[in-house]
Every structure is written in structure tokens, then in C-alpha cells.
Amino acid sequence: MADVIVFDLYGVIARTQTPAAIARIEGLAGLSGAPFWDAYWACRPAYDAGQESAAYWAAVAGRAGAAFADVPALIEADLESWCEVDDRMVELVIELAGRGRTLGLLSNTISDLLPRFEARHGAWLSRFDALTYSCRIGVAKPDPRAYEICAERLGVAPADVLFFDDSERNVIAAREVGMRAEVFSSPSQVRALVG
């Protein structure tokens, strides 16, 4: 039985961007496909580690060789695209907290998104013993320090943690610092592994 469980947020509890959200962002950017999304993701690590939104979008524009006409609207569409959750996972978090499990969240996320996300989802986020966000600690997964800081905030050693992330790269990095880690697939997988 795992008593200390840490979850990634996006792709595990929170949903990734929908096709409609992606289309809206592309429309505002005036770009689509690989030229835009390669730049979007390549510039994301600095954004996740605390970079300002305007600087992030300037970096994306520079990398994509573009000029965005309405950056505030692009920021708004991007933030909104990351606010939906999987209700089944939220129910599981509440259930595990009710059973006395120690829960942590370790997420690569941007500072402008947090107030919006926490305003919508504060009730179930309050069930976590520690919320570790990359933008607040200055490092993002798969940097080993992100996992170490998360474990420290939970008051445990990395070896005491069972970690779930949808990225194999992040799971491998968690294992390298000593966590038991699994690539997330479903709430039923979590239930089977946490005991």
C-alpha cells in the first residue's frame, strides 16, 4: 500500500487542451501546425519555470518567425485551455485523502494560470498536503530538483513516494531520484497500484 502519492496535474487530473481550444489558439496566432506548436512547446520550459506571459509569447513569435496581433487574447485563450479536469480523478483524490493518504501535486505550470485554476478547483486542491508548482519553485520536471523539493515539502524521502505522470520522460526522471513512478493511464490503474 502506498501512503504517499504524488500526482502530476496536466494529463493526469487536469485535461490537456481540447481540439476546440487548440483551434482557437491557432486562429488568434494566425499560425497552425508544426511551425507554431514546435515553438509553443520549445519555449514552454522557461514559462513553466516562472517566465512572464508576454515574454513567453514574444519568444514563441521569435522562434516561429511570426508577429502576433493580439497577445492579450492569445494569453487568455491559452490560460483557458488548461482549466478543465477529469472528474473521475478528482473523485479519486478526494477518496484517497479521506482514507488518510498523504497527497502531493507536482506540476509544470505557469504563474498566470494558477489563480484562475485555484479559483475554480480550490475545494479539491485543498485535499493535497503539498502543492508543488514549477513556476513557484523555479525549476520544472524533469529537473531532479523538482522531485526533491516535492518530497521535502511532504516531509518524506523520494523513496517513500509513488508518483504518477503522463510523460514517460518525467517518470524516468522521478525514478532516477528514487521515487516509485508510473506512467499514468487511468483512474483504475491508480486504484490498483495504491492499494
N, C-alpha and C. Protein backbone atom coordinates (compact mmCIF):
# COMPACT_ATOMS: atom_id res chain seq x y z
N MET A 1 0.84 -1.19 0.00
CA MET A 1 0.00 0.00 0.00
C MET A 1 0.89 1.25 0.00
N ALA A 2 0.52 2.22 -0.85
CA ALA A 2 1.28 3.47 -0.93
C ALA A 2 0.59 4.53 -0.07
N ASP A 3 1.33 5.05 0.90
CA ASP A 3 0.76 6.07 1.77
C ASP A 3 1.04 7.49 1.28
N VAL A 4 2.10 7.67 0.50
CA VAL A 4 2.44 8.99 -0.03
C VAL A 4 2.35 8.91 -1.56
N ILE A 5 1.40 9.62 -2.10
CA ILE A 5 1.12 9.56 -3.53
C ILE A 5 1.22 10.97 -4.10
N VAL A 6 1.99 11.10 -5.16
CA VAL A 6 2.15 12.39 -5.83
C VAL A 6 1.63 12.26 -7.26
N PHE A 7 0.83 13.23 -7.64
CA PHE A 7 0.28 13.27 -8.99
C PHE A 7 0.81 14.47 -9.76
N ASP A 8 1.06 14.26 -11.04
CA ASP A 8 1.19 15.34 -12.00
C ASP A 8 -0.21 15.92 -12.16
N LEU A 9 -0.31 17.13 -12.67
CA LEU A 9 -1.63 17.73 -12.86
C LEU A 9 -2.14 17.50 -14.28
N TYR A 10 -1.49 18.07 -15.28
CA TYR A 10 -2.00 18.01 -16.66
C TYR A 10 -1.74 16.67 -17.31
N GLY A 11 -2.81 16.10 -17.83
CA GLY A 11 -2.74 14.78 -18.43
C GLY A 11 -3.00 13.68 -17.42
N VAL A 12 -3.17 14.06 -16.14
CA VAL A 12 -3.48 13.10 -15.08
C VAL A 12 -4.79 13.50 -14.41
N ILE A 13 -4.81 14.63 -13.75
CA ILE A 13 -6.04 15.12 -13.11
C ILE A 13 -6.71 16.16 -13.99
N ALA A 14 -5.95 17.09 -14.49
CA ALA A 14 -6.49 18.11 -15.40
C ALA A 14 -6.35 17.62 -16.84
N ARG A 15 -7.28 18.06 -17.64
CA ARG A 15 -7.27 17.65 -19.04
C ARG A 15 -6.29 18.50 -19.85
N THR A 16 -5.77 17.90 -20.89
CA THR A 16 -4.93 18.65 -21.82
C THR A 16 -5.84 19.43 -22.77
N GLN A 17 -5.26 20.26 -23.60
CA GLN A 17 -6.03 21.13 -24.48
C GLN A 17 -6.92 20.34 -25.44
N THR A 18 -8.16 20.81 -25.57
CA THR A 18 -9.11 20.17 -26.48
C THR A 18 -8.84 20.64 -27.91
N PRO A 19 -9.35 19.90 -28.90
CA PRO A 19 -9.21 20.36 -30.29
C PRO A 19 -9.80 21.76 -30.50
N ALA A 20 -10.93 22.06 -29.85
CA ALA A 20 -11.54 23.38 -29.99
C ALA A 20 -10.64 24.47 -29.42
N ALA A 21 -10.01 24.19 -28.27
CA ALA A 21 -9.10 25.16 -27.67
C ALA A 21 -7.87 25.38 -28.54
N ILE A 22 -7.37 24.29 -29.10
CA ILE A 22 -6.21 24.37 -30.00
C ILE A 22 -6.55 25.22 -31.22
N ALA A 23 -7.73 25.00 -31.79
CA ALA A 23 -8.15 25.76 -32.97
C ALA A 23 -8.28 27.25 -32.63
N ARG A 24 -8.80 27.56 -31.45
CA ARG A 24 -8.94 28.96 -31.04
C ARG A 24 -7.57 29.62 -30.91
N ILE A 25 -6.63 28.94 -30.29
CA ILE A 25 -5.29 29.49 -30.13
C ILE A 25 -4.64 29.70 -31.50
N GLU A 26 -4.76 28.72 -32.38
CA GLU A 26 -4.19 28.84 -33.73
C GLU A 26 -4.80 30.02 -34.48
N GLY A 27 -6.12 30.20 -34.34
CA GLY A 27 -6.79 31.31 -35.00
C GLY A 27 -6.26 32.66 -34.53
N LEU A 28 -6.07 32.78 -33.23
CA LEU A 28 -5.55 34.03 -32.68
C LEU A 28 -4.09 34.26 -33.06
N ALA A 29 -3.34 33.16 -33.15
CA ALA A 29 -1.92 33.26 -33.51
C ALA A 29 -1.73 33.53 -35.00
N GLY A 30 -2.70 33.10 -35.80
CA GLY A 30 -2.54 33.21 -37.25
C GLY A 30 -1.57 32.19 -37.79
N LEU A 31 -1.31 31.15 -36.99
CA LEU A 31 -0.41 30.06 -37.38
C LEU A 31 -1.02 28.75 -36.94
N SER A 32 -0.67 27.69 -37.63
CA SER A 32 -1.13 26.37 -37.20
C SER A 32 -0.07 25.33 -37.53
N GLY A 33 -0.30 24.14 -37.01
CA GLY A 33 0.59 23.03 -37.32
C GLY A 33 1.95 23.16 -36.65
N ALA A 34 2.89 22.38 -37.18
CA ALA A 34 4.21 22.25 -36.56
C ALA A 34 4.96 23.56 -36.35
N PRO A 35 4.95 24.50 -37.29
CA PRO A 35 5.72 25.73 -37.05
C PRO A 35 5.31 26.45 -35.76
N PHE A 36 4.01 26.47 -35.50
CA PHE A 36 3.52 27.12 -34.30
C PHE A 36 3.73 26.27 -33.06
N TRP A 37 3.29 25.01 -33.10
CA TRP A 37 3.31 24.17 -31.89
C TRP A 37 4.71 23.76 -31.49
N ASP A 38 5.62 23.62 -32.45
CA ASP A 38 7.02 23.35 -32.09
C ASP A 38 7.58 24.52 -31.29
N ALA A 39 7.27 25.75 -31.72
CA ALA A 39 7.74 26.93 -30.99
C ALA A 39 7.05 27.03 -29.63
N TYR A 40 5.75 26.76 -29.60
CA TYR A 40 4.97 26.81 -28.35
C TYR A 40 5.58 25.91 -27.29
N TRP A 41 5.89 24.66 -27.66
CA TRP A 41 6.42 23.71 -26.68
C TRP A 41 7.90 23.92 -26.40
N ALA A 42 8.67 24.34 -27.40
CA ALA A 42 10.11 24.56 -27.19
C ALA A 42 10.35 25.69 -26.19
N CYS A 43 9.48 26.68 -26.19
CA CYS A 43 9.64 27.83 -25.29
C CYS A 43 8.98 27.60 -23.93
N ARG A 44 8.26 26.51 -23.78
CA ARG A 44 7.47 26.29 -22.56
C ARG A 44 8.29 26.08 -21.28
N PRO A 45 9.46 25.42 -21.32
CA PRO A 45 10.18 25.20 -20.05
C PRO A 45 10.46 26.49 -19.27
N ALA A 46 10.86 27.55 -19.94
CA ALA A 46 11.13 28.81 -19.23
C ALA A 46 9.84 29.39 -18.67
N TYR A 47 8.76 29.26 -19.41
CA TYR A 47 7.44 29.73 -18.96
C TYR A 47 7.00 28.95 -17.73
N ASP A 48 7.17 27.64 -17.77
CA ASP A 48 6.82 26.80 -16.62
C ASP A 48 7.66 27.15 -15.39
N ALA A 49 8.86 27.62 -15.61
CA ALA A 49 9.76 27.94 -14.50
C ALA A 49 9.60 29.37 -13.99
N GLY A 50 8.61 30.10 -14.53
CA GLY A 50 8.30 31.41 -13.96
C GLY A 50 8.39 32.60 -14.90
N GLN A 51 8.72 32.39 -16.16
CA GLN A 51 8.79 33.49 -17.12
C GLN A 51 7.43 34.19 -17.25
N GLU A 52 7.43 35.49 -17.47
CA GLU A 52 6.19 36.26 -17.67
C GLU A 52 5.51 35.84 -18.98
N SER A 53 4.18 35.95 -19.01
CA SER A 53 3.41 35.53 -20.19
C SER A 53 3.80 36.29 -21.45
N ALA A 54 3.93 37.62 -21.35
CA ALA A 54 4.28 38.40 -22.53
C ALA A 54 5.64 38.00 -23.09
N ALA A 55 6.59 37.73 -22.20
CA ALA A 55 7.93 37.31 -22.65
C ALA A 55 7.86 35.93 -23.31
N TYR A 56 7.03 35.06 -22.76
CA TYR A 56 6.87 33.74 -23.37
C TYR A 56 6.35 33.86 -24.80
N TRP A 57 5.28 34.64 -24.97
CA TRP A 57 4.69 34.75 -26.30
C TRP A 57 5.62 35.48 -27.27
N ALA A 58 6.44 36.39 -26.77
CA ALA A 58 7.44 37.02 -27.63
C ALA A 58 8.47 35.98 -28.08
N ALA A 59 8.84 35.08 -27.18
CA ALA A 59 9.78 34.01 -27.54
C ALA A 59 9.18 33.07 -28.57
N VAL A 60 7.90 32.72 -28.38
CA VAL A 60 7.22 31.85 -29.35
C VAL A 60 7.19 32.53 -30.72
N ALA A 61 6.82 33.81 -30.74
CA ALA A 61 6.76 34.55 -32.01
C ALA A 61 8.13 34.57 -32.68
N GLY A 62 9.17 34.83 -31.91
CA GLY A 62 10.51 34.87 -32.48
C GLY A 62 10.93 33.53 -33.05
N ARG A 63 10.65 32.49 -32.32
CA ARG A 63 11.04 31.15 -32.78
C ARG A 63 10.25 30.73 -34.01
N ALA A 64 8.97 31.12 -34.06
CA ALA A 64 8.11 30.74 -35.19
C ALA A 64 8.24 31.70 -36.36
N GLY A 65 8.97 32.80 -36.17
CA GLY A 65 9.11 33.80 -37.22
C GLY A 65 7.79 34.49 -37.51
N ALA A 66 7.06 34.83 -36.46
CA ALA A 66 5.73 35.42 -36.61
C ALA A 66 5.60 36.67 -35.76
N ALA A 67 4.51 37.39 -35.99
CA ALA A 67 4.14 38.53 -35.15
C ALA A 67 2.68 38.31 -34.78
N PHE A 68 2.37 38.29 -33.48
CA PHE A 68 1.01 38.05 -33.03
C PHE A 68 0.30 39.38 -32.84
N ALA A 69 -0.87 39.51 -33.46
CA ALA A 69 -1.61 40.77 -33.45
C ALA A 69 -2.23 41.09 -32.10
N ASP A 70 -2.68 40.07 -31.38
CA ASP A 70 -3.40 40.31 -30.12
C ASP A 70 -2.87 39.36 -29.04
N VAL A 71 -1.74 39.71 -28.44
CA VAL A 71 -1.11 38.86 -27.44
C VAL A 71 -2.00 38.68 -26.21
N PRO A 72 -2.67 39.73 -25.69
CA PRO A 72 -3.55 39.51 -24.54
C PRO A 72 -4.65 38.45 -24.80
N ALA A 73 -5.23 38.46 -26.00
CA ALA A 73 -6.25 37.46 -26.33
C ALA A 73 -5.62 36.07 -26.44
N LEU A 74 -4.41 36.01 -26.94
CA LEU A 74 -3.70 34.73 -27.04
C LEU A 74 -3.38 34.18 -25.66
N ILE A 75 -2.94 35.06 -24.77
CA ILE A 75 -2.69 34.64 -23.38
C ILE A 75 -3.96 34.11 -22.75
N GLU A 76 -5.06 34.83 -22.92
CA GLU A 76 -6.35 34.43 -22.33
C GLU A 76 -6.80 33.07 -22.87
N ALA A 77 -6.72 32.88 -24.18
CA ALA A 77 -7.14 31.61 -24.78
C ALA A 77 -6.27 30.46 -24.29
N ASP A 78 -4.98 30.71 -24.17
CA ASP A 78 -4.07 29.67 -23.69
C ASP A 78 -4.37 29.30 -22.24
N LEU A 79 -4.54 30.31 -21.39
CA LEU A 79 -4.85 30.03 -19.99
C LEU A 79 -6.15 29.25 -19.86
N GLU A 80 -7.15 29.66 -20.58
CA GLU A 80 -8.46 29.00 -20.50
C GLU A 80 -8.38 27.55 -20.98
N SER A 81 -7.46 27.28 -21.90
CA SER A 81 -7.35 25.93 -22.47
C SER A 81 -6.85 24.89 -21.47
N TRP A 82 -6.35 25.35 -20.32
CA TRP A 82 -5.75 24.44 -19.33
C TRP A 82 -6.57 24.32 -18.05
N CYS A 83 -7.87 24.62 -18.08
CA CYS A 83 -8.66 24.70 -16.84
C CYS A 83 -9.65 23.55 -16.60
N GLU A 84 -9.78 22.63 -17.53
CA GLU A 84 -10.75 21.54 -17.37
C GLU A 84 -10.10 20.36 -16.64
N VAL A 85 -10.91 19.61 -15.90
CA VAL A 85 -10.39 18.47 -15.14
C VAL A 85 -11.16 17.20 -15.47
N ASP A 86 -10.56 16.07 -15.11
CA ASP A 86 -11.20 14.76 -15.21
C ASP A 86 -11.90 14.50 -13.88
N ASP A 87 -13.21 14.55 -13.87
CA ASP A 87 -13.97 14.40 -12.63
C ASP A 87 -13.70 13.07 -11.93
N ARG A 88 -13.38 12.03 -12.69
CA ARG A 88 -13.08 10.73 -12.06
C ARG A 88 -11.81 10.80 -11.23
N MET A 89 -10.83 11.54 -11.72
CA MET A 89 -9.59 11.69 -10.95
C MET A 89 -9.78 12.60 -9.74
N VAL A 90 -10.61 13.62 -9.90
CA VAL A 90 -10.91 14.48 -8.75
C VAL A 90 -11.58 13.65 -7.65
N GLU A 91 -12.52 12.80 -8.03
CA GLU A 91 -13.18 11.92 -7.05
C GLU A 91 -12.17 11.00 -6.37
N LEU A 92 -11.21 10.50 -7.14
CA LEU A 92 -10.19 9.62 -6.58
C LEU A 92 -9.30 10.37 -5.59
N VAL A 93 -8.93 11.59 -5.91
CA VAL A 93 -8.13 12.41 -4.99
C VAL A 93 -8.87 12.59 -3.67
N ILE A 94 -10.14 12.94 -3.76
CA ILE A 94 -10.95 13.15 -2.55
C ILE A 94 -11.06 11.85 -1.75
N GLU A 95 -11.25 10.75 -2.45
CA GLU A 95 -11.34 9.44 -1.79
C GLU A 95 -10.04 9.09 -1.07
N LEU A 96 -8.91 9.26 -1.75
CA LEU A 96 -7.61 8.93 -1.14
C LEU A 96 -7.32 9.81 0.06
N ALA A 97 -7.64 11.10 -0.05
CA ALA A 97 -7.44 12.00 1.09
C ALA A 97 -8.31 11.57 2.26
N GLY A 98 -9.53 11.16 1.97
CA GLY A 98 -10.44 10.69 3.02
C GLY A 98 -9.97 9.42 3.69
N ARG A 99 -9.16 8.65 2.97
CA ARG A 99 -8.61 7.41 3.54
C ARG A 99 -7.30 7.65 4.27
N GLY A 100 -6.91 8.92 4.39
CA GLY A 100 -5.71 9.25 5.16
C GLY A 100 -4.41 9.19 4.39
N ARG A 101 -4.48 9.09 3.08
CA ARG A 101 -3.24 9.07 2.31
C ARG A 101 -2.64 10.47 2.27
N THR A 102 -1.33 10.54 2.26
CA THR A 102 -0.63 11.81 2.08
C THR A 102 -0.53 12.06 0.59
N LEU A 103 -1.03 13.21 0.15
CA LEU A 103 -1.09 13.50 -1.28
C LEU A 103 -0.28 14.74 -1.64
N GLY A 104 0.44 14.62 -2.74
CA GLY A 104 1.19 15.76 -3.27
C GLY A 104 0.85 15.97 -4.73
N LEU A 105 1.03 17.19 -5.16
CA LEU A 105 0.86 17.54 -6.57
C LEU A 105 2.19 18.12 -7.03
N LEU A 106 2.69 17.66 -8.15
CA LEU A 106 3.93 18.18 -8.74
C LEU A 106 3.63 18.49 -10.20
N SER A 107 3.54 19.78 -10.49
CA SER A 107 3.08 20.17 -11.83
C SER A 107 3.98 21.23 -12.44
N ASN A 108 4.28 21.04 -13.73
CA ASN A 108 4.87 22.11 -14.52
C ASN A 108 3.71 23.00 -14.95
N THR A 109 3.67 24.20 -14.40
CA THR A 109 2.58 25.11 -14.74
C THR A 109 3.06 26.54 -14.65
N ILE A 110 2.30 27.42 -15.26
CA ILE A 110 2.68 28.83 -15.36
C ILE A 110 1.99 29.67 -14.30
N SER A 111 2.66 30.73 -13.88
CA SER A 111 2.16 31.53 -12.76
C SER A 111 0.84 32.22 -13.07
N ASP A 112 0.62 32.67 -14.30
CA ASP A 112 -0.64 33.36 -14.62
C ASP A 112 -1.84 32.42 -14.58
N LEU A 113 -1.61 31.14 -14.74
CA LEU A 113 -2.71 30.17 -14.74
C LEU A 113 -3.18 29.83 -13.33
N LEU A 114 -2.28 29.84 -12.37
CA LEU A 114 -2.62 29.35 -11.03
C LEU A 114 -3.81 30.04 -10.37
N PRO A 115 -3.89 31.36 -10.35
CA PRO A 115 -5.05 31.98 -9.69
C PRO A 115 -6.38 31.54 -10.30
N ARG A 116 -6.42 31.42 -11.61
CA ARG A 116 -7.64 31.00 -12.31
C ARG A 116 -7.97 29.54 -11.98
N PHE A 117 -6.96 28.68 -12.05
CA PHE A 117 -7.18 27.26 -11.79
C PHE A 117 -7.58 27.03 -10.33
N GLU A 118 -6.88 27.69 -9.41
CA GLU A 118 -7.18 27.51 -7.99
C GLU A 118 -8.54 28.09 -7.63
N ALA A 119 -8.98 29.17 -8.28
CA ALA A 119 -10.31 29.72 -8.01
C ALA A 119 -11.40 28.73 -8.40
N ARG A 120 -11.19 28.01 -9.49
CA ARG A 120 -12.19 27.04 -9.96
C ARG A 120 -12.12 25.71 -9.21
N HIS A 121 -10.93 25.33 -8.79
CA HIS A 121 -10.73 23.97 -8.29
C HIS A 121 -10.17 23.92 -6.86
N GLY A 122 -10.29 25.01 -6.14
CA GLY A 122 -9.71 25.10 -4.81
C GLY A 122 -10.21 24.05 -3.83
N ALA A 123 -11.48 23.65 -3.96
CA ALA A 123 -12.05 22.69 -2.99
C ALA A 123 -11.28 21.38 -3.00
N TRP A 124 -11.06 20.81 -4.16
CA TRP A 124 -10.35 19.54 -4.18
C TRP A 124 -8.84 19.72 -4.09
N LEU A 125 -8.31 20.84 -4.56
CA LEU A 125 -6.87 21.09 -4.39
C LEU A 125 -6.50 21.18 -2.91
N SER A 126 -7.46 21.61 -2.08
CA SER A 126 -7.19 21.72 -0.65
C SER A 126 -6.99 20.36 0.01
N ARG A 127 -7.30 19.29 -0.67
CA ARG A 127 -7.13 17.94 -0.13
C ARG A 127 -5.67 17.47 -0.21
N PHE A 128 -4.85 18.19 -0.97
CA PHE A 128 -3.43 17.85 -1.08
C PHE A 128 -2.66 18.39 0.12
N ASP A 129 -1.68 17.61 0.56
CA ASP A 129 -0.81 18.03 1.65
C ASP A 129 0.25 19.01 1.18
N ALA A 130 0.62 18.95 -0.08
CA ALA A 130 1.61 19.88 -0.65
C ALA A 130 1.32 20.06 -2.13
N LEU A 131 1.31 21.32 -2.56
CA LEU A 131 1.15 21.67 -3.97
C LEU A 131 2.48 22.26 -4.43
N THR A 132 3.15 21.56 -5.32
CA THR A 132 4.46 22.00 -5.80
C THR A 132 4.34 22.34 -7.28
N TYR A 133 4.43 23.63 -7.56
CA TYR A 133 4.28 24.13 -8.93
C TYR A 133 5.63 24.65 -9.42
N SER A 134 5.98 24.27 -10.64
CA SER A 134 7.27 24.66 -11.20
C SER A 134 7.49 26.17 -11.17
N CYS A 135 6.46 26.94 -11.49
CA CYS A 135 6.62 28.39 -11.56
C CYS A 135 6.93 29.00 -10.19
N ARG A 136 6.58 28.29 -9.12
CA ARG A 136 6.83 28.81 -7.78
C ARG A 136 8.15 28.32 -7.18
N ILE A 137 8.71 27.25 -7.76
CA ILE A 137 9.99 26.75 -7.23
C ILE A 137 11.14 27.04 -8.18
N GLY A 138 10.84 27.55 -9.38
CA GLY A 138 11.88 27.96 -10.32
C GLY A 138 12.54 26.85 -11.11
N VAL A 139 12.03 25.63 -10.99
CA VAL A 139 12.52 24.51 -11.79
C VAL A 139 11.33 23.66 -12.21
N ALA A 140 11.47 23.02 -13.35
CA ALA A 140 10.39 22.20 -13.89
C ALA A 140 10.86 20.78 -14.11
N LYS A 141 9.93 19.83 -14.01
CA LYS A 141 10.24 18.45 -14.37
C LYS A 141 10.73 18.44 -15.81
N PRO A 142 11.72 17.66 -16.15
CA PRO A 142 12.31 16.56 -15.40
C PRO A 142 13.54 16.92 -14.57
N ASP A 143 13.73 18.17 -14.23
CA ASP A 143 14.86 18.55 -13.37
C ASP A 143 14.75 17.80 -12.05
N PRO A 144 15.79 17.10 -11.62
CA PRO A 144 15.71 16.32 -10.37
C PRO A 144 15.31 17.15 -9.15
N ARG A 145 15.67 18.43 -9.15
CA ARG A 145 15.34 19.28 -8.00
C ARG A 145 13.83 19.40 -7.80
N ALA A 146 13.05 19.35 -8.88
CA ALA A 146 11.60 19.46 -8.74
C ALA A 146 11.05 18.32 -7.89
N TYR A 147 11.52 17.11 -8.14
CA TYR A 147 11.05 15.93 -7.38
C TYR A 147 11.55 16.00 -5.93
N GLU A 148 12.78 16.43 -5.76
CA GLU A 148 13.35 16.52 -4.41
C GLU A 148 12.61 17.57 -3.57
N ILE A 149 12.29 18.70 -4.17
CA ILE A 149 11.54 19.74 -3.46
C ILE A 149 10.16 19.24 -3.09
N CYS A 150 9.51 18.54 -4.00
CA CYS A 150 8.18 17.99 -3.72
C CYS A 150 8.22 17.03 -2.53
N ALA A 151 9.16 16.11 -2.54
CA ALA A 151 9.27 15.15 -1.43
C ALA A 151 9.57 15.88 -0.12
N GLU A 152 10.45 16.86 -0.19
CA GLU A 152 10.81 17.63 1.01
C GLU A 152 9.57 18.34 1.58
N ARG A 153 8.76 18.90 0.71
CA ARG A 153 7.54 19.58 1.17
C ARG A 153 6.55 18.62 1.81
N LEU A 154 6.60 17.38 1.41
CA LEU A 154 5.74 16.36 2.00
C LEU A 154 6.35 15.76 3.26
N GLY A 155 7.61 16.10 3.54
CA GLY A 155 8.28 15.60 4.74
C GLY A 155 8.72 14.15 4.63
N VAL A 156 8.99 13.70 3.39
CA VAL A 156 9.39 12.31 3.17
C VAL A 156 10.61 12.25 2.26
N ALA A 157 11.20 11.07 2.19
CA ALA A 157 12.28 10.83 1.23
C ALA A 157 11.65 10.50 -0.12
N PRO A 158 12.35 10.78 -1.22
CA PRO A 158 11.80 10.41 -2.53
C PRO A 158 11.40 8.93 -2.62
N ALA A 159 12.13 8.05 -1.94
CA ALA A 159 11.82 6.61 -2.00
C ALA A 159 10.47 6.27 -1.37
N ASP A 160 9.92 7.19 -0.58
CA ASP A 160 8.62 6.96 0.06
C ASP A 160 7.44 7.32 -0.84
N VAL A 161 7.73 7.88 -2.01
CA VAL A 161 6.70 8.43 -2.88
C VAL A 161 6.36 7.49 -4.03
N LEU A 162 5.06 7.37 -4.30
CA LEU A 162 4.57 6.76 -5.54
C LEU A 162 4.07 7.91 -6.41
N PHE A 163 4.67 8.08 -7.58
CA PHE A 163 4.42 9.24 -8.44
C PHE A 163 3.77 8.81 -9.75
N PHE A 164 2.77 9.58 -10.18
CA PHE A 164 2.09 9.32 -11.46
C PHE A 164 2.21 10.55 -12.35
N ASP A 165 2.64 10.33 -13.59
CA ASP A 165 2.77 11.40 -14.58
C ASP A 165 2.42 10.80 -15.94
N ASP A 166 1.88 11.61 -16.83
CA ASP A 166 1.55 11.09 -18.17
C ASP A 166 2.75 11.11 -19.11
N SER A 167 3.87 11.70 -18.68
CA SER A 167 5.07 11.78 -19.51
C SER A 167 6.09 10.73 -19.08
N GLU A 168 6.48 9.87 -19.99
CA GLU A 168 7.48 8.85 -19.66
C GLU A 168 8.80 9.50 -19.24
N ARG A 169 9.15 10.60 -19.88
CA ARG A 169 10.38 11.32 -19.54
C ARG A 169 10.36 11.75 -18.07
N ASN A 170 9.22 12.26 -17.62
CA ASN A 170 9.12 12.70 -16.23
C ASN A 170 9.11 11.53 -15.26
N VAL A 171 8.54 10.42 -15.68
CA VAL A 171 8.54 9.21 -14.85
C VAL A 171 9.96 8.68 -14.69
N ILE A 172 10.70 8.64 -15.78
CA ILE A 172 12.09 8.18 -15.72
C ILE A 172 12.90 9.07 -14.78
N ALA A 173 12.71 10.37 -14.88
CA ALA A 173 13.44 11.30 -14.01
C ALA A 173 13.07 11.09 -12.54
N ALA A 174 11.79 10.83 -12.27
CA ALA A 174 11.36 10.56 -10.89
C ALA A 174 12.04 9.30 -10.36
N ARG A 175 12.12 8.28 -11.19
CA ARG A 175 12.78 7.04 -10.77
C ARG A 175 14.26 7.27 -10.48
N GLU A 176 14.88 8.16 -11.25
CA GLU A 176 16.31 8.43 -11.06
C GLU A 176 16.61 9.10 -9.73
N VAL A 177 15.61 9.80 -9.15
CA VAL A 177 15.82 10.39 -7.82
C VAL A 177 15.32 9.47 -6.72
N GLY A 178 14.83 8.28 -7.09
CA GLY A 178 14.46 7.28 -6.11
C GLY A 178 12.98 7.06 -5.88
N MET A 179 12.12 7.81 -6.57
CA MET A 179 10.68 7.61 -6.42
C MET A 179 10.23 6.35 -7.15
N ARG A 180 9.20 5.73 -6.64
CA ARG A 180 8.49 4.73 -7.43
C ARG A 180 7.59 5.54 -8.35
N ALA A 181 7.63 5.30 -9.63
CA ALA A 181 6.90 6.16 -10.56
C ALA A 181 6.30 5.33 -11.69
N GLU A 182 5.13 5.76 -12.12
CA GLU A 182 4.40 5.06 -13.18
C GLU A 182 3.85 6.06 -14.19
N VAL A 183 3.85 5.65 -15.45
CA VAL A 183 3.19 6.44 -16.49
C VAL A 183 1.69 6.27 -16.30
N PHE A 184 1.00 7.37 -16.10
CA PHE A 184 -0.43 7.35 -15.82
C PHE A 184 -1.22 6.88 -17.04
N SER A 185 -2.21 6.02 -16.80
CA SER A 185 -3.10 5.61 -17.89
C SER A 185 -4.57 5.81 -17.56
N SER A 186 -4.97 5.61 -16.28
CA SER A 186 -6.38 5.71 -15.93
C SER A 186 -6.58 5.72 -14.42
N PRO A 187 -7.74 6.16 -13.96
CA PRO A 187 -8.03 6.08 -12.53
C PRO A 187 -7.97 4.64 -12.01
N SER A 188 -8.40 3.67 -12.83
CA SER A 188 -8.37 2.28 -12.37
C SER A 188 -6.94 1.80 -12.17
N GLN A 189 -6.01 2.25 -12.99
CA GLN A 189 -4.59 1.91 -12.81
C GLN A 189 -4.11 2.44 -11.46
N VAL A 190 -4.46 3.69 -11.15
CA VAL A 190 -4.04 4.27 -9.86
C VAL A 190 -4.61 3.46 -8.71
N ARG A 191 -5.90 3.16 -8.78
CA ARG A 191 -6.54 2.38 -7.71
C ARG A 191 -5.84 1.04 -7.49
N ALA A 192 -5.46 0.38 -8.58
CA ALA A 192 -4.80 -0.92 -8.47
C ALA A 192 -3.43 -0.81 -7.82
N LEU A 193 -2.73 0.29 -8.08
CA LEU A 193 -1.36 0.45 -7.60
C LEU A 193 -1.26 1.05 -6.20
N VAL A 194 -2.23 1.84 -5.79
CA VAL A 194 -2.11 2.47 -4.49
C VAL A 194 -2.61 1.59 -3.36
N GLY A 195 -3.41 0.54 -3.68
CA GLY A 195 -3.88 -0.39 -2.66
C GLY A 195 -5.01 0.14 -1.82
